[in-house]
Amino acid sequence: MIIVKNPFGQDPMDFNDETAASRIGHRIRKIRMEKGLSQSELGELVGLNADRIQKYENGARKPKADMLKSIAAALGVSTLALVDPNTTSSLGAMYAFFELEEHFNMKIEETPKDRAPGLCLSVDFRESIYAHMKEWYQAYIAMQAELQAAASEDEKEAIIKAYHDWKWNYPQAIIDRTSKEMQKLRLKSKIEELQEAYDKLDEDSTE
């Protein structure tokens, strides 16, 4: 069972669309200032006036793709440094990690020496994203525990689907792991197990 609520009063997609220009503007402004350029100087490099650059940086206007490429070239950065990361590619995921480092003080670290070589991302419990990551971790651990205890492939499939639903609806969905569907699958598995035991006893009695 999926319990749906809307704590923000706005669809997350609408929020993302409405704030996309502001996020791009923030990146332009941050990089421009670190490069030591004024709005006028950046404008001259891309054929615009300072007022237009200011509107981009304030999120009042969103640069078109060609203009974003021109601004990125003028700033001497990749266009990926200006747009929202696309995490379906490893390169896009890298820029998502960079954003997490900037906004949530997330750190990249090596895994402990007693574990297999690797890298992990860590976040301080005082950061706002920590509570969300903790909820994710708890949902993931619960899913893994249920998979270990699952008595059938059907039950495993239902558990994985429930975990996917949790992610697809986060933070609006809460998965009730004692749902009727899950109970039915567990009872079905138990019935099959008992039937096998019954049949074996029946066979033994006829020998």
Protein backbone atom coordinates (compact mmCIF):
# COMPACT_ATOMS: atom_id res chain seq x y z
CA MET A 1 0.00 0.00 0.00
CA ILE A 2 1.33 3.43 -0.92
CA ILE A 3 0.31 6.33 1.31
CA VAL A 4 0.66 9.58 -0.61
CA LYS A 5 0.99 13.00 0.93
CA ASN A 6 2.26 16.33 -0.38
CA PRO A 7 4.21 18.14 2.33
CA PHE A 8 5.42 20.88 0.01
CA GLY A 9 2.11 21.94 -1.53
CA GLN A 10 3.72 21.87 -4.98
CA ASP A 11 4.62 19.16 -7.44
CA PRO A 12 8.44 18.67 -7.35
CA MET A 13 8.58 18.78 -11.15
CA ASP A 14 6.94 22.23 -11.16
CA PHE A 15 9.42 23.41 -8.54
CA ASN A 16 12.36 22.14 -10.60
CA ASP A 17 11.07 23.85 -13.75
CA GLU A 18 10.43 27.14 -11.96
CA THR A 19 13.87 27.24 -10.35
CA ALA A 20 15.98 25.94 -13.27
CA ALA A 21 16.89 29.45 -14.44
CA SER A 22 17.96 30.43 -10.92
CA ARG A 23 20.24 27.40 -10.62
CA ILE A 24 21.92 28.18 -13.95
CA GLY A 25 22.23 31.83 -12.97
CA HIS A 26 23.84 30.92 -9.66
CA ARG A 27 26.47 28.85 -11.46
CA ILE A 28 27.21 31.59 -14.00
CA ARG A 29 27.60 34.20 -11.27
CA LYS A 30 29.81 32.00 -9.06
CA ILE A 31 32.17 31.09 -11.91
CA ARG A 32 32.25 34.63 -13.32
CA MET A 33 33.25 36.07 -9.96
CA GLU A 34 35.92 33.42 -9.39
CA LYS A 35 37.30 34.21 -12.85
CA GLY A 36 37.49 37.88 -11.86
CA LEU A 37 35.11 39.10 -14.57
CA SER A 38 32.49 41.83 -14.22
CA GLN A 39 29.03 41.41 -15.74
CA SER A 40 29.98 43.94 -18.39
CA GLU A 41 33.17 42.07 -19.28
CA LEU A 42 31.35 38.76 -19.59
CA GLY A 43 28.66 40.46 -21.66
CA GLU A 44 31.23 41.85 -24.07
CA LEU A 45 32.73 38.38 -24.55
CA VAL A 46 29.37 36.92 -25.62
CA GLY A 47 27.88 39.98 -27.35
CA LEU A 48 25.44 41.00 -24.62
CA ASN A 49 25.11 43.95 -22.25
CA ALA A 50 25.58 43.76 -18.49
CA ASP A 51 21.83 44.00 -17.90
CA ARG A 52 21.21 40.75 -19.78
CA ILE A 53 23.96 38.99 -17.85
CA GLN A 54 22.44 40.26 -14.62
CA LYS A 55 19.03 38.87 -15.62
CA TYR A 56 20.61 35.50 -16.34
CA GLU A 57 22.36 35.47 -12.99
CA ASN A 58 19.22 36.51 -11.11
CA GLY A 59 17.18 33.79 -12.80
CA ALA A 60 14.90 36.35 -14.45
CA ARG A 61 15.79 34.86 -17.83
CA LYS A 62 17.16 31.49 -18.86
CA PRO A 63 19.88 31.39 -21.53
CA LYS A 64 19.16 29.31 -24.62
CA ALA A 65 21.46 26.40 -25.44
CA ASP A 66 23.66 28.31 -27.89
CA MET A 67 24.06 31.21 -25.46
CA LEU A 68 24.96 28.79 -22.65
CA LYS A 69 27.70 27.36 -24.85
CA SER A 70 28.99 30.87 -25.57
CA ILE A 71 28.96 31.80 -21.87
CA ALA A 72 30.74 28.56 -20.94
CA ALA A 73 33.40 29.21 -23.59
CA ALA A 74 33.86 32.79 -22.37
CA LEU A 75 34.25 31.55 -18.79
CA GLY A 76 36.61 28.79 -19.86
CA VAL A 77 34.49 25.96 -18.44
CA SER A 78 32.49 22.99 -19.71
CA THR A 79 28.84 23.65 -20.50
CA LEU A 80 28.10 20.85 -18.01
CA ALA A 81 29.31 23.18 -15.27
CA LEU A 82 26.35 25.49 -15.96
CA VAL A 83 23.39 23.15 -16.46
CA ASP A 84 21.60 20.73 -14.15
CA PRO A 85 23.52 17.42 -14.09
CA ASN A 86 22.29 14.48 -16.16
CA THR A 87 23.08 11.51 -13.96
CA THR A 88 22.41 8.87 -16.64
CA SER A 89 26.03 9.21 -17.77
CA SER A 90 29.18 8.87 -15.68
CA LEU A 91 30.33 12.36 -16.71
CA GLY A 92 26.97 13.87 -15.77
CA ALA A 93 27.06 12.01 -12.47
CA MET A 94 30.45 13.59 -11.74
CA TYR A 95 28.92 17.06 -12.01
CA ALA A 96 26.11 15.92 -9.70
CA PHE A 97 28.77 14.91 -7.16
CA PHE A 98 30.41 18.32 -7.54
CA GLU A 99 27.04 19.94 -6.77
CA LEU A 100 26.63 17.77 -3.68
CA GLU A 101 30.08 18.81 -2.51
CA GLU A 102 29.25 22.50 -2.93
CA HIS A 103 25.74 22.57 -1.50
CA PHE A 104 25.85 19.84 1.16
CA ASN A 105 29.54 19.66 2.09
CA MET A 106 29.64 16.06 0.88
CA LYS A 107 33.13 14.56 0.91
CA ILE A 108 34.75 11.86 -1.18
CA GLU A 109 36.81 9.39 0.85
CA GLU A 110 38.53 6.06 0.47
CA THR A 111 36.80 3.07 2.01
CA PRO A 112 38.35 1.76 5.27
CA LYS A 113 41.50 -0.32 4.85
CA ASP A 114 39.76 -3.44 6.20
CA ARG A 115 37.36 -3.38 3.24
CA ALA A 116 37.81 -3.85 -0.49
CA PRO A 117 39.46 -0.86 -2.23
CA GLY A 118 36.93 1.74 -3.26
CA LEU A 119 35.59 5.23 -2.75
CA CYS A 120 32.54 6.46 -0.87
CA LEU A 121 30.68 9.72 -0.32
CA SER A 122 30.05 10.91 3.23
CA VAL A 123 27.96 13.71 4.68
CA ASP A 124 27.94 15.32 8.11
CA PHE A 125 24.83 14.62 10.20
CA ARG A 126 24.30 18.38 10.57
CA GLU A 127 23.71 18.82 6.83
CA SER A 128 20.09 19.05 5.67
CA ILE A 129 20.48 16.15 3.24
CA TYR A 130 21.58 13.78 6.02
CA ALA A 131 18.01 13.00 7.15
CA HIS A 132 17.02 12.13 3.58
CA MET A 133 20.04 9.90 3.10
CA LYS A 134 19.32 8.21 6.43
CA GLU A 135 15.78 7.41 5.27
CA TRP A 136 17.19 6.01 2.02
CA TYR A 137 19.73 3.90 3.92
CA GLN A 138 17.04 2.52 6.23
CA ALA A 139 14.75 1.68 3.29
CA TYR A 140 17.64 -0.02 1.48
CA ILE A 141 18.69 -2.06 4.52
CA ALA A 142 15.07 -3.08 5.16
CA MET A 143 14.74 -4.18 1.54
CA GLN A 144 17.93 -6.26 1.74
CA ALA A 145 16.77 -7.91 4.98
CA GLU A 146 13.41 -8.77 3.45
CA LEU A 147 15.10 -10.25 0.38
CA GLN A 148 17.17 -12.48 2.66
CA ALA A 149 14.02 -13.67 4.43
CA ALA A 150 11.91 -14.04 1.28
CA ALA A 151 10.65 -17.57 0.68
CA SER A 152 9.90 -17.31 -3.03
CA GLU A 153 10.90 -15.47 -6.19
CA ASP A 154 7.45 -13.86 -6.33
CA GLU A 155 7.99 -12.44 -2.86
CA LYS A 156 11.44 -11.13 -3.83
CA GLU A 157 9.96 -9.46 -6.88
CA ALA A 158 7.26 -7.79 -4.77
CA ILE A 159 9.89 -6.53 -2.30
CA ILE A 160 12.00 -5.02 -5.08
CA LYS A 161 8.93 -3.38 -6.64
CA ALA A 162 7.97 -1.91 -3.25
CA TYR A 163 11.49 -0.48 -2.90
CA HIS A 164 11.26 1.04 -6.38
CA ASP A 165 7.90 2.59 -5.48
CA TRP A 166 9.49 4.08 -2.38
CA LYS A 167 12.19 5.74 -4.51
CA TRP A 168 9.88 6.82 -7.32
CA ASN A 169 7.51 8.58 -4.90
CA TYR A 170 10.03 9.93 -2.40
CA PRO A 171 9.43 11.89 -0.22
CA GLN A 172 5.68 11.57 -0.67
CA ALA A 173 5.37 7.80 -0.35
CA ILE A 174 5.58 5.55 2.67
CA ILE A 175 5.63 1.85 1.97
CA ASP A 176 3.53 -0.29 4.26
CA ARG A 177 5.58 -3.48 4.33
CA THR A 178 2.73 -5.40 5.99
CA SER A 179 0.45 -4.84 3.01
CA LYS A 180 -2.12 -7.45 2.05
CA GLU A 181 -0.23 -8.23 -1.14
CA MET A 182 2.93 -9.06 0.80
CA GLN A 183 0.98 -11.12 3.33
CA LYS A 184 -0.68 -13.09 0.54
CA LEU A 185 2.66 -13.90 -1.07
CA ARG A 186 4.10 -15.06 2.23
CA LEU A 187 1.05 -17.18 2.99
CA LYS A 188 1.14 -18.66 -0.51
CA SER A 189 4.79 -19.61 -0.06
CA LYS A 190 4.04 -21.13 3.34
CA ILE A 191 1.10 -23.10 1.95
CA GLU A 192 3.31 -24.50 -0.83
CA GLU A 193 5.94 -25.47 1.73
CA LEU A 194 3.34 -27.21 3.91
CA GLN A 195 1.85 -28.95 0.87
CA GLU A 196 5.23 -30.35 -0.07
CA ALA A 197 5.72 -31.63 3.48
CA TYR A 198 2.20 -33.14 3.46
CA ASP A 199 2.77 -34.87 0.13
CA LYS A 200 6.06 -36.31 1.37
CA LEU A 201 4.35 -37.70 4.47
CA ASP A 202 1.61 -39.15 2.30
CA GLU A 203 4.18 -40.85 0.08
CA ASP A 204 6.02 -42.26 3.08
CA SER A 205 2.79 -43.77 4.48
CA THR A 206 2.08 -45.66 1.26
CA GLU A 207 5.51 -47.28 1.05
